[in-house]
Structure formats: C-alpha cells, structure tokens
C-alpha cells in the first residue's frame, strides 16, 4: 500500500520551540536538495556551509530509504581489510538553524528524492503548516556560458512576481527537466505559500567541479531576500583560493585561455548593453528558452554518465 505523506517524515521534539513562536514571527524554510540539477554542487555546498558555521538542531528526518534510488546513486560502504565497516546512508533532514543574529530559520538539506515526489512534497508542505513557515527559498545552480573571471550572476524565480521584483526576467516559456525542489515550489504556490529561489550561473566548463564562488553568491542573495544574517567568510576565502587554482590551470592551455577570453568579451559586451545583467549565449545574446533547456539537458546527461561510471 502506498505510504501517506506523513509516513515519510519523523517529526522530532526540537520542533516544539518553533511552534511556540508568536504567530507574527516570520519563519523561512531554505531547501538545497543535492541532485543532478545542482551544477558544481553549489546549492548543497551553501547548505553544508551553513550547518558548519551556525548552531542547529534536527527538527525532522525523512525516510531516505523510501525516497532514494540506491542503485542510481550508490552510497559508499567502507571496507577494511576483511570486513565491511560502515555505511554512509543518504539523508534528507530538516534542521532548525539560528543565523548570526539569533533568528531561527529552517534548512531542508540532503539528497534529492528519486521517488514519490508528490508525497514528499505533500509531507514538506505538511511541515510548513505545522511549523508556521511563511516563506520558502530554493538554492540551486545551473551551467551557463559565462567566464569564471566575472561576478556570478543568477536567475530568480518565484510563485509571485513581487517576491523577486528587483530581478530581471530572462526567459520565455520553456520545458526543462524537473526536480523535486522545483515541484515543491510549484505546489507551494498552489497551496498559497510564498516560495522563491535563485539559481547561480556556473561556468559550463566548471559545472562538474566544485565552485565555491557560486555557493557564496547564493548565500548573499539568500541574505538579501530574507534579511537573514549569514556567515560567508570561509566561503569567501575558498572562492579566492579556487579562483587562483582555476587561473593557473587555464593558463596552461592556449586553447582554454582563448575560450575564457571569448566568454569575457561576450559577457562584457552584453553587460555594457544591459547594465546589471549577465546571461550570455554563444553570440553574446541571451540564450533562448530552447537553448537554455538544451544546456540543462546536456548537463544532466553528463551527470548521469558520471554517476554510472561510463565514458
């Protein structure tokens, strides 16, 4: 028999502190589910940074055993000498986190579900109602033809335009591969819950690597959109170090240097024409919806190839 949504999640005693808040208090839920749609793992890294930097406690645990495809994303088992020693089971966890000013917010962190997206979404929205969440924010990243030598730009999306009024609209209608996080935002809007998100633009040649500059940008936008006071010093240092390493690697190849120089010229020409924007296509124009969808499809195909260990 199919599980009910509430059967997918265990609510822990720590949630009581949040329920006891006054009804006038805002409570933000941030989600950064790590899946194939998170280029350079930027969203997941941003969430991990928050957990490493801020006080937190577990509010709820989801049944990852029922939601994650182990054969599609094989968890690691440690083998020592002549025996299996430990199993790194996937987790999907809801944390209560206090920002640098002591303001609580929620962070839904862990593996993106492979199965039961509708029941998972319903379970999350049940927690939203129980805990009094007033706004949801998604953090993710997408591959784009942009250079690593320029500031990281973002695409914003929301259930209501006024939630992201200061952000430009880049795309018309397009059909792209779905994600559990995207479905969660869609269903939240249908339920009357404000939900929004930012997707950092990761240079396409770094989409399968780690790119802390994108994670830093996500947290900066999260802070601006919510008023949360979030630590970023460690990510800032990581981004500087990583930038130096990338520069060194690029400089070893004339071909790579030429590609980056072309992307820089396109980026600069476009931002000069439209101040404050930075989405570039191969000709220096904003990619069409179809081009954007094709890039995402190619990225997901590459992620799938890597996860299966094929060439």
Protein backbone atom coordinates (compact mmCIF):
# COMPACT_ATOMS: atom_id res chain seq x y z
CA UNK A 1 0.00 0.00 0.00
CA UNK A 2 1.42 3.46 -0.88
CA UNK A 3 2.68 5.47 2.06
CA UNK A 4 0.79 8.52 3.23
CA UNK A 5 2.85 11.74 3.01
CA UNK A 6 3.12 11.95 6.78
CA UNK A 7 4.59 8.44 6.89
CA UNK A 8 7.67 9.70 5.03
CA UNK A 9 8.80 12.03 7.81
CA UNK A 10 9.56 11.78 11.52
CA UNK A 11 8.99 14.99 13.46
CA UNK A 12 11.36 15.33 16.43
CA UNK A 13 10.84 17.13 19.78
CA UNK A 14 13.06 20.03 18.69
CA UNK A 15 10.19 21.32 16.56
CA UNK A 16 8.31 22.47 19.65
CA UNK A 17 10.50 25.57 20.03
CA UNK A 18 9.43 26.70 16.57
CA UNK A 19 5.75 26.02 17.14
CA UNK A 20 5.84 28.15 20.29
CA UNK A 21 6.88 31.24 18.32
CA UNK A 22 4.37 34.06 18.09
CA UNK A 23 2.19 33.99 15.00
CA UNK A 24 3.64 37.34 13.90
CA UNK A 25 7.17 35.94 13.56
CA UNK A 26 8.42 35.06 10.09
CA UNK A 27 9.97 31.64 9.53
CA UNK A 28 11.91 30.94 6.34
CA UNK A 29 12.49 27.42 5.02
CA UNK A 30 15.55 27.10 2.78
CA UNK A 31 15.96 23.96 0.65
CA UNK A 32 19.08 22.90 -1.23
CA UNK A 33 18.41 19.27 -2.09
CA UNK A 34 21.53 17.83 -3.72
CA UNK A 35 20.69 16.33 -7.08
CA UNK A 36 21.64 16.28 -10.72
CA UNK A 37 20.22 19.78 -11.18
CA UNK A 38 22.76 21.47 -8.87
CA UNK A 39 25.73 22.43 -11.07
CA UNK A 40 29.07 22.30 -9.21
CA UNK A 41 27.08 21.20 -6.14
CA UNK A 42 26.76 24.91 -5.36
CA UNK A 43 23.44 24.74 -3.53
CA UNK A 44 24.45 21.72 -1.46
CA UNK A 45 27.77 23.36 -0.58
CA UNK A 46 25.95 26.50 0.54
CA UNK A 47 23.75 24.43 2.86
CA UNK A 48 26.70 22.46 4.21
CA UNK A 49 28.49 25.73 4.92
CA UNK A 50 25.52 27.00 6.95
CA UNK A 51 25.45 23.82 9.02
CA UNK A 52 29.21 24.02 9.62
CA UNK A 53 29.03 27.69 10.63
CA UNK A 54 25.80 28.14 12.59
CA UNK A 55 24.16 26.45 15.61
CA UNK A 56 21.48 23.99 14.55
CA UNK A 57 19.39 21.03 15.61
CA UNK A 58 17.41 18.38 13.77
CA UNK A 59 13.69 19.08 13.54
CA UNK A 60 12.60 16.23 11.24
CA UNK A 61 14.03 13.30 9.31
CA UNK A 62 12.66 11.95 6.05
CA UNK A 63 12.63 8.27 5.14
CA UNK A 64 15.51 8.37 2.65
CA UNK A 65 15.32 4.57 2.33
CA UNK A 66 11.92 5.00 0.66
CA UNK A 67 12.86 8.06 -1.39
CA UNK A 68 16.37 7.50 -2.78
CA UNK A 69 17.37 5.14 -5.60
CA UNK A 70 20.45 3.44 -4.16
CA UNK A 71 21.38 1.80 -7.46
CA UNK A 72 21.20 5.12 -9.27
CA UNK A 73 23.28 6.92 -6.61
CA UNK A 74 25.22 4.19 -4.84
CA UNK A 75 26.08 5.15 -1.25
CA UNK A 76 29.63 4.44 -0.09
CA UNK A 77 30.44 1.45 2.13
CA UNK A 78 33.82 1.32 3.85
CA UNK A 79 35.66 -2.00 3.51
CA UNK A 80 38.54 -2.53 5.92
CA UNK A 81 40.86 -5.50 5.43
CA UNK A 82 38.40 -8.34 5.62
CA UNK A 83 35.11 -6.78 6.64
CA UNK A 84 32.62 -4.05 5.84
CA UNK A 85 32.99 -1.34 8.45
CA UNK A 86 30.49 1.44 7.82
CA UNK A 87 27.71 2.60 5.50
CA UNK A 88 27.22 6.24 4.50
CA UNK A 89 23.45 6.17 4.18
CA UNK A 90 21.79 9.05 2.32
CA UNK A 91 19.90 11.52 4.46
CA UNK A 92 17.14 14.07 3.94
CA UNK A 93 16.95 16.19 7.06
CA UNK A 94 15.14 19.31 8.21
CA UNK A 95 17.23 21.47 10.53
CA UNK A 96 16.40 24.46 12.68
CA UNK A 97 19.30 26.89 12.28
CA UNK A 98 19.98 30.18 14.07
CA UNK A 99 21.54 32.93 11.98
CA UNK A 100 24.28 35.24 13.28
CA UNK A 101 21.64 37.44 14.86
CA UNK A 102 19.85 34.56 16.60
CA UNK A 103 16.93 34.45 14.16
CA UNK A 104 15.77 30.88 13.51
CA UNK A 105 15.20 29.50 10.04
CA UNK A 106 14.75 26.02 8.60
CA UNK A 107 17.11 24.22 6.25
CA UNK A 108 15.97 21.16 4.27
CA UNK A 109 19.26 19.53 3.35
CA UNK A 110 20.29 16.22 1.85
CA UNK A 111 19.71 14.05 -1.18
CA UNK A 112 17.06 14.92 -3.71
CA UNK A 113 14.37 12.21 -3.67
CA UNK A 114 14.26 9.91 -6.68
CA UNK A 115 10.85 8.51 -5.84
CA UNK A 116 7.47 9.71 -4.56
CA UNK A 117 7.95 13.39 -5.39
CA UNK A 118 4.28 14.21 -4.85
CA UNK A 119 4.12 12.50 -1.45
CA UNK A 120 7.44 14.04 -0.44
CA UNK A 121 6.19 17.48 -1.46
CA UNK A 122 2.96 16.96 0.45
CA UNK A 123 4.96 15.90 3.51
CA UNK A 124 7.10 19.05 3.34
CA UNK A 125 4.03 21.25 2.96
CA UNK A 126 2.54 19.49 5.98
CA UNK A 127 5.59 20.56 7.97
CA UNK A 128 5.26 24.08 6.55
CA UNK A 129 1.76 24.28 8.01
CA UNK A 130 2.68 22.66 11.33
CA UNK A 131 5.74 24.84 11.93
CA UNK A 132 4.27 28.09 10.64
CA UNK A 133 6.65 28.62 7.73
CA UNK A 134 5.93 31.93 5.98
CA UNK A 135 8.32 31.67 3.03
CA UNK A 136 10.35 29.04 1.19
CA UNK A 137 13.60 29.67 -0.71
CA UNK A 138 15.34 27.23 -3.07
CA UNK A 139 19.11 27.34 -3.70
CA UNK A 140 20.50 25.68 -6.83
CA UNK A 141 22.89 26.25 -9.73
CA UNK A 142 22.76 25.84 -13.49
CA UNK A 143 25.53 25.64 -16.12
CA UNK A 144 25.89 28.71 -18.33
CA UNK A 145 28.34 30.02 -20.95
CA UNK A 146 29.88 32.57 -18.59
CA UNK A 147 33.52 33.07 -17.54
CA UNK A 148 34.80 32.36 -14.03
CA UNK A 149 36.62 35.72 -14.15
CA UNK A 150 33.41 37.75 -13.83
CA UNK A 151 30.90 38.07 -10.95
CA UNK A 152 28.49 35.16 -10.56
CA UNK A 153 25.02 36.05 -11.83
CA UNK A 154 21.72 34.37 -11.00
CA UNK A 155 18.28 33.57 -12.32
CA UNK A 156 15.47 34.19 -9.84
CA UNK A 157 12.02 32.56 -9.80
CA UNK A 158 9.01 32.78 -7.51
CA UNK A 159 5.38 31.93 -7.06
CA UNK A 160 4.60 35.68 -7.16
CA UNK A 161 6.48 38.22 -9.24
CA UNK A 162 6.63 40.80 -6.45
CA UNK A 163 8.75 38.43 -4.36
CA UNK A 164 11.60 38.94 -6.86
CA UNK A 165 10.64 42.31 -8.32
CA UNK A 166 14.24 43.56 -8.47
CA UNK A 167 15.40 40.62 -10.60
CA UNK A 168 15.18 40.68 -14.42
CA UNK A 169 13.16 38.13 -16.40
CA UNK A 170 15.37 36.33 -18.91
CA UNK A 171 13.28 33.52 -20.34
CA UNK A 172 10.06 32.95 -22.14
CA UNK A 173 8.24 29.65 -21.78
CA UNK A 174 10.41 26.53 -21.97
CA UNK A 175 10.21 22.90 -20.95
CA UNK A 176 13.13 21.73 -18.80
CA UNK A 177 13.87 18.59 -16.76
CA UNK A 178 12.06 18.69 -13.44
CA UNK A 179 13.43 18.46 -9.91
CA UNK A 180 11.88 17.75 -6.54
CA UNK A 181 12.75 21.28 -5.46
CA UNK A 182 11.01 22.80 -8.47
CA UNK A 183 7.89 20.71 -7.83
CA UNK A 184 7.95 21.77 -4.19
CA UNK A 185 7.96 25.44 -5.22
CA UNK A 186 5.14 24.85 -7.71
CA UNK A 187 2.96 23.02 -5.18
CA UNK A 188 3.71 25.62 -2.51
CA UNK A 189 2.39 28.34 -4.79
CA UNK A 190 -0.75 26.32 -5.49
CA UNK A 191 -1.24 26.00 -1.72
CA UNK A 192 -0.89 29.75 -1.19
CA UNK A 193 2.60 29.58 0.35
CA UNK A 194 5.14 32.14 -0.84
CA UNK A 195 8.08 30.36 -2.46
CA UNK A 196 11.02 31.65 -4.44
CA UNK A 197 14.54 30.69 -5.40
CA UNK A 198 17.80 31.69 -7.00
CA UNK A 199 19.89 29.64 -9.41
CA UNK A 200 23.55 30.61 -9.66
CA UNK A 201 25.11 30.57 -13.12
CA UNK A 202 28.13 28.27 -13.09
CA UNK A 203 30.64 28.40 -15.97
CA UNK A 204 29.78 25.40 -18.12
CA UNK A 205 33.39 24.21 -18.02
CA UNK A 206 33.24 24.00 -14.21
CA UNK A 207 29.75 22.51 -13.87
CA UNK A 208 31.01 19.11 -12.72
CA UNK A 209 33.60 20.53 -10.32
CA UNK A 210 33.30 22.45 -7.06
CA UNK A 211 32.71 26.18 -7.46
CA UNK A 212 32.53 27.98 -4.08
CA UNK A 213 32.02 31.37 -5.74
CA UNK A 214 28.53 30.21 -6.80
CA UNK A 215 27.74 28.98 -3.27
CA UNK A 216 28.86 32.33 -1.88
CA UNK A 217 26.62 34.17 -4.33
CA UNK A 218 23.64 32.02 -3.36
CA UNK A 219 24.08 32.89 0.31
CA UNK A 220 24.46 36.58 -0.49
CA UNK A 221 21.17 36.55 -2.39
CA UNK A 222 19.52 34.47 0.34
CA UNK A 223 20.51 37.10 2.87
CA UNK A 224 19.19 39.92 0.67
CA UNK A 225 15.89 38.18 0.00
CA UNK A 226 15.20 37.14 3.60
CA UNK A 227 17.11 39.52 5.87
CA UNK A 228 18.96 36.61 7.48
CA UNK A 229 22.48 37.34 8.75
CA UNK A 230 24.63 34.59 7.29
CA UNK A 231 28.38 33.99 7.68
CA UNK A 232 30.34 33.94 4.43
CA UNK A 233 33.98 34.49 5.42
CA UNK A 234 35.03 30.85 4.92
CA UNK A 235 33.35 30.69 1.52
CA UNK A 236 34.93 33.98 0.50
CA UNK A 237 38.38 32.57 1.25
CA UNK A 238 37.56 29.31 -0.54
CA UNK A 239 36.35 31.25 -3.58
CA UNK A 240 39.57 33.28 -3.72
CA UNK A 241 41.74 30.18 -3.43
CA UNK A 242 39.69 28.31 -6.01
CA UNK A 243 39.86 31.25 -8.42
CA UNK A 244 43.67 31.21 -8.24
CA UNK A 245 43.75 27.47 -8.90
CA UNK A 246 41.44 27.78 -11.91
CA UNK A 247 43.51 30.67 -13.32
CA UNK A 248 46.64 28.54 -13.07
CA UNK A 249 45.01 25.60 -14.83
CA UNK A 250 43.52 27.74 -17.60
CA UNK A 251 46.87 29.46 -18.20
CA UNK A 252 48.50 26.12 -19.05
CA UNK A 253 46.46 25.82 -22.25
CA UNK A 254 46.32 28.38 -25.04
CA UNK A 255 43.03 26.88 -26.19
CA UNK A 256 41.41 27.24 -22.76
CA UNK A 257 42.77 30.77 -22.42
CA UNK A 258 41.20 31.71 -25.75
CA UNK A 259 37.82 30.24 -24.74
CA UNK A 260 37.76 32.18 -21.49
CA UNK A 261 38.80 35.38 -23.29
CA UNK A 262 35.92 34.94 -25.73
CA UNK A 263 33.46 34.42 -22.88
CA UNK A 264 34.82 37.53 -21.15
CA UNK A 265 34.29 39.62 -24.27
CA UNK A 266 30.74 38.33 -24.69
CA UNK A 267 29.97 38.94 -21.02
CA UNK A 268 31.35 42.47 -21.07
CA UNK A 269 29.60 43.40 -24.32
CA UNK A 270 26.29 42.16 -23.02
CA UNK A 271 26.53 43.82 -19.60
CA UNK A 272 27.51 47.08 -21.30
CA UNK A 273 24.30 46.87 -23.34
CA UNK A 274 22.12 45.79 -20.42
CA UNK A 275 23.61 47.05 -17.17
CA UNK A 276 23.23 44.65 -14.29
CA UNK A 277 22.62 41.51 -16.35
CA UNK A 278 24.97 38.84 -17.49
CA UNK A 279 23.40 35.89 -19.24
CA UNK A 280 25.19 35.11 -22.45
CA UNK A 281 24.68 32.86 -25.40
CA UNK A 282 27.37 31.82 -27.86
CA UNK A 283 26.85 35.02 -29.86
CA UNK A 284 26.74 37.38 -26.90
CA UNK A 285 22.94 37.32 -26.76
CA UNK A 286 20.72 35.95 -24.01
CA UNK A 287 20.14 32.25 -24.80
CA UNK A 288 16.64 31.36 -25.94
CA UNK A 289 14.46 29.10 -23.84
CA UNK A 290 15.23 26.18 -26.14
CA UNK A 291 18.99 26.83 -25.90
CA UNK A 292 18.77 27.00 -22.13
CA UNK A 293 16.79 23.76 -21.98
CA UNK A 294 19.33 22.09 -24.27
CA UNK A 295 22.20 23.17 -21.99
CA UNK A 296 20.45 21.79 -18.93
CA UNK A 297 19.65 18.53 -20.73
CA UNK A 298 23.31 18.17 -21.73
CA UNK A 299 24.45 18.85 -18.18
CA UNK A 300 22.07 16.27 -16.74
CA UNK A 301 23.17 13.72 -19.32
CA UNK A 302 26.79 14.28 -18.34
CA UNK A 303 25.92 13.94 -14.64
CA UNK A 304 24.10 10.69 -15.37
CA UNK A 305 27.07 9.39 -17.35
CA UNK A 306 29.43 10.19 -14.48
CA UNK A 307 27.17 8.64 -11.84
CA UNK A 308 27.05 5.40 -13.84
CA UNK A 309 30.81 5.39 -14.35
CA UNK A 310 30.58 5.23 -18.15
CA UNK A 311 32.72 7.04 -20.72
